[in-house]
Every structure is written in structure tokens, then in C-alpha cells.
């Protein structure tokens, strides 16, 4: 796999409620047949001295296939629209491709889809 073509979706949590949301999202991804080609794992970082929050959990989903990448994003949007998140408590969700990152948790579904579509056409840029 050429690391330049690696695409990743990362969702992070810091407090207990967000950690519960993250675990829900992780289980959701594991059950989604459309993302089977992605490497999906839950990474837990223990409490570190000097950090205000306790541990930091991250769902890391990595793929080098554009179709699977789109499926990862659609899976997140579907999970979010199914009421798993509230506007007051959302995961910190970042997507990355070729070193370009964008946080998507506060974007509408349409904004995310438009951005991914442009990304697929090689246009990147800000939303």
C-alpha cells in the first residue's frame, strides 16, 4: 500500500459520555459490510501526566480504496443521523487524505458529501 494514498477517518473522545459514543461508532463500523476492506481499530491511550482529561480513545479506520473511504464517511453520517450523537455532544471526527485533514463533526451531511466528492476529483480545498 502506498502511504500517499492512505485515507483515514479518526474519531476521538475524552470524557465518559464521548467514550461511550465512540464505542457505539466503533461497533457500528465493525458491523458495516461496506467498510470490510478498511482496517478499523480502537486505540486507547492511558492517562498521561499533565493531561487534564483521563484517557483518550480513538477509532482509526484506514483504507487505500476510494470506494471504501466513501463508505466509511457514509457510515459515520448514517450513524450520526440515526441519533447516536446530539448537537451538544459530538465526537471529534477528522478525515484525512494525502496529509490534508478536515474536521467533519460540525458539518452538515451535504457539506461532508460535497467535500468528499471534490476530494475524489482531486480538488481538495477548504469547505
C-alpha atoms as a PDB file:
ATOM      1  CA  UNK A   1       0.000   0.000   0.000  1.00  0.00           C
ATOM      2  CA  UNK A   2       1.413   3.412  -0.994  1.00  0.00           C
ATOM      3  CA  UNK A   3       1.211   5.574   2.143  1.00  0.00           C
ATOM      4  CA  UNK A   4       0.489   8.611  -0.024  1.00  0.00           C
ATOM      5  CA  UNK A   5      -2.820   7.011  -0.992  1.00  0.00           C
ATOM      6  CA  UNK A   6      -3.820   6.055   2.559  1.00  0.00           C
ATOM      7  CA  UNK A   7      -7.096   7.601   3.663  1.00  0.00           C
ATOM      8  CA  UNK A   8      -8.099   7.638   7.287  1.00  0.00           C
ATOM      9  CA  UNK A   9     -11.069   8.567   9.436  1.00  0.00           C
ATOM     10  CA  UNK A  10     -10.320   9.249  13.084  1.00  0.00           C
ATOM     11  CA  UNK A  11     -12.876   9.826  15.839  1.00  0.00           C
ATOM     12  CA  UNK A  12     -11.620  10.866  19.270  1.00  0.00           C
ATOM     13  CA  UNK A  13     -13.210  11.072  22.686  1.00  0.00           C
ATOM     14  CA  UNK A  14     -12.090  12.392  26.044  1.00  0.00           C
ATOM     15  CA  UNK A  15     -14.908  12.154  28.614  1.00  0.00           C
ATOM     16  CA  UNK A  16     -17.041   9.164  29.594  1.00  0.00           C
ATOM     17  CA  UNK A  17     -20.093  10.154  27.537  1.00  0.00           C
ATOM     18  CA  UNK A  18     -17.936  10.732  24.452  1.00  0.00           C
ATOM     19  CA  UNK A  19     -16.131   7.432  25.088  1.00  0.00           C
ATOM     20  CA  UNK A  20     -19.490   5.679  25.103  1.00  0.00           C
ATOM     21  CA  UNK A  21     -20.363   7.356  21.787  1.00  0.00           C
ATOM     22  CA  UNK A  22     -17.037   6.319  20.346  1.00  0.00           C
ATOM     23  CA  UNK A  23     -17.583   2.693  21.379  1.00  0.00           C
ATOM     24  CA  UNK A  24     -21.000   2.812  19.696  1.00  0.00           C
ATOM     25  CA  UNK A  25     -19.455   4.189  16.489  1.00  0.00           C
ATOM     26  CA  UNK A  26     -16.727   1.533  16.585  1.00  0.00           C
ATOM     27  CA  UNK A  27     -19.292  -1.289  16.896  1.00  0.00           C
ATOM     28  CA  UNK A  28     -21.290   0.323  14.078  1.00  0.00           C
ATOM     29  CA  UNK A  29     -18.250   0.260  11.757  1.00  0.00           C
ATOM     30  CA  UNK A  30     -17.449  -3.355  12.601  1.00  0.00           C
ATOM     31  CA  UNK A  31     -20.971  -4.387  11.565  1.00  0.00           C
ATOM     32  CA  UNK A  32     -20.901  -2.443   8.280  1.00  0.00           C
ATOM     33  CA  UNK A  33     -20.087  -4.803   5.391  1.00  0.00           C
ATOM     34  CA  UNK A  34     -19.307  -1.835   3.144  1.00  0.00           C
ATOM     35  CA  UNK A  35     -16.234  -0.946   5.223  1.00  0.00           C
ATOM     36  CA  UNK A  36     -14.893  -4.509   5.452  1.00  0.00           C
ATOM     37  CA  UNK A  37     -11.884  -3.582   3.268  1.00  0.00           C
ATOM     38  CA  UNK A  38     -10.780  -0.946   5.792  1.00  0.00           C
ATOM     39  CA  UNK A  39      -8.565  -1.550   8.776  1.00  0.00           C
ATOM     40  CA  UNK A  40     -10.722  -0.443  11.718  1.00  0.00           C
ATOM     41  CA  UNK A  41      -9.347  -0.452  15.236  1.00  0.00           C
ATOM     42  CA  UNK A  42      -9.951   1.135  18.614  1.00  0.00           C
ATOM     43  CA  UNK A  43      -6.856   2.749  20.098  1.00  0.00           C
ATOM     44  CA  UNK A  44      -6.861   3.582  23.794  1.00  0.00           C
ATOM     45  CA  UNK A  45      -4.287   5.896  25.336  1.00  0.00           C
ATOM     46  CA  UNK A  46      -3.975   5.713  29.093  1.00  0.00           C
ATOM     47  CA  UNK A  47      -3.953   8.767  31.323  1.00  0.00           C
ATOM     48  CA  UNK A  48      -0.732  10.694  30.906  1.00  0.00           C
ATOM     49  CA  UNK A  49       0.808  13.033  33.495  1.00  0.00           C
ATOM     50  CA  UNK A  50      -0.040  16.660  32.791  1.00  0.00           C
ATOM     51  CA  UNK A  51      -3.198  15.905  30.806  1.00  0.00           C
ATOM     52  CA  UNK A  52      -6.456  17.345  32.073  1.00  0.00           C
ATOM     53  CA  UNK A  53      -8.612  14.542  30.686  1.00  0.00           C
ATOM     54  CA  UNK A  54      -8.298  10.900  31.562  1.00  0.00           C
ATOM     55  CA  UNK A  55      -7.662   8.551  28.709  1.00  0.00           C
ATOM     56  CA  UNK A  56      -8.098   9.330  25.024  1.00  0.00           C
ATOM     57  CA  UNK A  57      -9.820   6.777  22.833  1.00  0.00           C
ATOM     58  CA  UNK A  58      -9.601   6.860  19.063  1.00  0.00           C
ATOM     59  CA  UNK A  59     -11.318   4.829  16.366  1.00  0.00           C
ATOM     60  CA  UNK A  60      -8.889   4.651  13.484  1.00  0.00           C
ATOM     61  CA  UNK A  61     -10.207   3.433  10.142  1.00  0.00           C
ATOM     62  CA  UNK A  62      -7.632   3.271   7.343  1.00  0.00           C
ATOM     63  CA  UNK A  63      -8.071   2.250   3.718  1.00  0.00           C
ATOM     64  CA  UNK A  64      -6.314   2.726   0.416  1.00  0.00           C
ATOM     65  CA  UNK A  65      -9.503   2.172  -1.595  1.00  0.00           C
ATOM     66  CA  UNK A  66     -11.504   5.241  -2.581  1.00  0.00           C
ATOM     67  CA  UNK A  67     -14.807   3.341  -2.543  1.00  0.00           C
ATOM     68  CA  UNK A  68     -14.208   2.048   0.971  1.00  0.00           C
ATOM     69  CA  UNK A  69     -13.219   5.528   2.099  1.00  0.00           C
ATOM     70  CA  UNK A  70     -16.542   6.889   0.871  1.00  0.00           C
ATOM     71  CA  UNK A  71     -18.287   4.033   2.663  1.00  0.00           C
ATOM     72  CA  UNK A  72     -16.524   4.955   5.918  1.00  0.00           C
ATOM     73  CA  UNK A  73     -17.776   8.523   5.656  1.00  0.00           C
ATOM     74  CA  UNK A  74     -21.308   7.467   4.733  1.00  0.00           C
ATOM     75  CA  UNK A  75     -21.277   5.020   7.653  1.00  0.00           C
ATOM     76  CA  UNK A  76     -20.352   7.846  10.048  1.00  0.00           C
ATOM     77  CA  UNK A  77     -23.055  10.127   8.616  1.00  0.00           C
ATOM     78  CA  UNK A  78     -25.638   7.325   8.886  1.00  0.00           C
ATOM     79  CA  UNK A  79     -24.608   6.550  12.457  1.00  0.00           C
ATOM     80  CA  UNK A  80     -24.800  10.257  13.328  1.00  0.00           C
ATOM     81  CA  UNK A  81     -28.207  10.761  11.690  1.00  0.00           C
ATOM     82  CA  UNK A  82     -29.577   7.694  13.492  1.00  0.00           C
ATOM     83  CA  UNK A  83     -29.461   9.791  16.651  1.00  0.00           C
ATOM     84  CA  UNK A  84     -26.261   8.369  18.081  1.00  0.00           C
ATOM     85  CA  UNK A  85     -24.904  11.877  18.640  1.00  0.00           C
ATOM     86  CA  UNK A  86     -26.543  15.046  19.868  1.00  0.00           C
ATOM     87  CA  UNK A  87     -25.571  18.545  18.827  1.00  0.00           C
ATOM     88  CA  UNK A  88     -24.240  19.140  22.346  1.00  0.00           C
ATOM     89  CA  UNK A  89     -22.087  16.011  22.494  1.00  0.00           C
ATOM     90  CA  UNK A  90     -20.325  15.016  19.319  1.00  0.00           C
ATOM     91  CA  UNK A  91     -17.178  13.096  18.698  1.00  0.00           C
ATOM     92  CA  UNK A  92     -14.182  14.932  17.293  1.00  0.00           C
ATOM     93  CA  UNK A  93     -14.153  13.374  13.816  1.00  0.00           C
ATOM     94  CA  UNK A  94     -11.347  14.061  11.372  1.00  0.00           C
ATOM     95  CA  UNK A  95     -10.879  12.706   7.871  1.00  0.00           C
ATOM     96  CA  UNK A  96      -7.510  12.734   6.182  1.00  0.00           C
ATOM     97  CA  UNK A  97      -6.188  12.066   2.709  1.00  0.00           C
ATOM     98  CA  UNK A  98      -2.686  12.747   1.392  1.00  0.00           C
ATOM     99  CA  UNK A  99      -1.863  14.724   4.531  1.00  0.00           C
ATOM    100  CA  UNK A 100      -4.883  17.041   4.184  1.00  0.00           C
ATOM    101  CA  UNK A 101      -7.243  16.910   7.178  1.00  0.00           C
ATOM    102  CA  UNK A 102     -10.718  18.242   7.841  1.00  0.00           C
ATOM    103  CA  UNK A 103     -12.860  18.036  10.974  1.00  0.00           C
ATOM    104  CA  UNK A 104     -16.359  16.986   9.979  1.00  0.00           C
ATOM    105  CA  UNK A 105     -18.375  16.699  13.192  1.00  0.00           C
ATOM    106  CA  UNK A 106     -19.925  20.158  12.852  1.00  0.00           C
ATOM    107  CA  UNK A 107     -20.514  19.990   9.105  1.00  0.00           C
ATOM    108  CA  UNK A 108     -23.860  19.076   7.613  1.00  0.00           C
ATOM    109  CA  UNK A 109     -24.160  15.792   5.742  1.00  0.00           C
ATOM    110  CA  UNK A 110     -24.367  17.725   2.477  1.00  0.00           C
ATOM    111  CA  UNK A 111     -21.184  19.687   3.230  1.00  0.00           C
ATOM    112  CA  UNK A 112     -19.313  16.476   4.009  1.00  0.00           C
ATOM    113  CA  UNK A 113     -20.558  14.748   0.849  1.00  0.00           C
ATOM    114  CA  UNK A 114     -19.646  17.771  -1.315  1.00  0.00           C
ATOM    115  CA  UNK A 115     -16.189  17.896   0.194  1.00  0.00           C
ATOM    116  CA  UNK A 116     -15.586  14.167  -0.322  1.00  0.00           C
ATOM    117  CA  UNK A 117     -16.847  14.436  -3.894  1.00  0.00           C
ATOM    118  CA  UNK A 118     -14.376  17.249  -4.618  1.00  0.00           C
ATOM    119  CA  UNK A 119     -11.643  15.294  -2.864  1.00  0.00           C
ATOM    120  CA  UNK A 120     -12.349  12.314  -5.095  1.00  0.00           C
ATOM    121  CA  UNK A 121     -11.914  14.591  -8.098  1.00  0.00           C
ATOM    122  CA  UNK A 122      -8.565  15.730  -6.728  1.00  0.00           C
ATOM    123  CA  UNK A 123      -9.645  19.261  -5.846  1.00  0.00           C
ATOM    124  CA  UNK A 124      -9.295  19.243  -2.016  1.00  0.00           C
ATOM    125  CA  UNK A 125      -9.527  22.748  -0.597  1.00  0.00           C
ATOM    126  CA  UNK A 126     -11.483  24.292   2.228  1.00  0.00           C
ATOM    127  CA  UNK A 127     -15.171  23.750   2.832  1.00  0.00           C
END
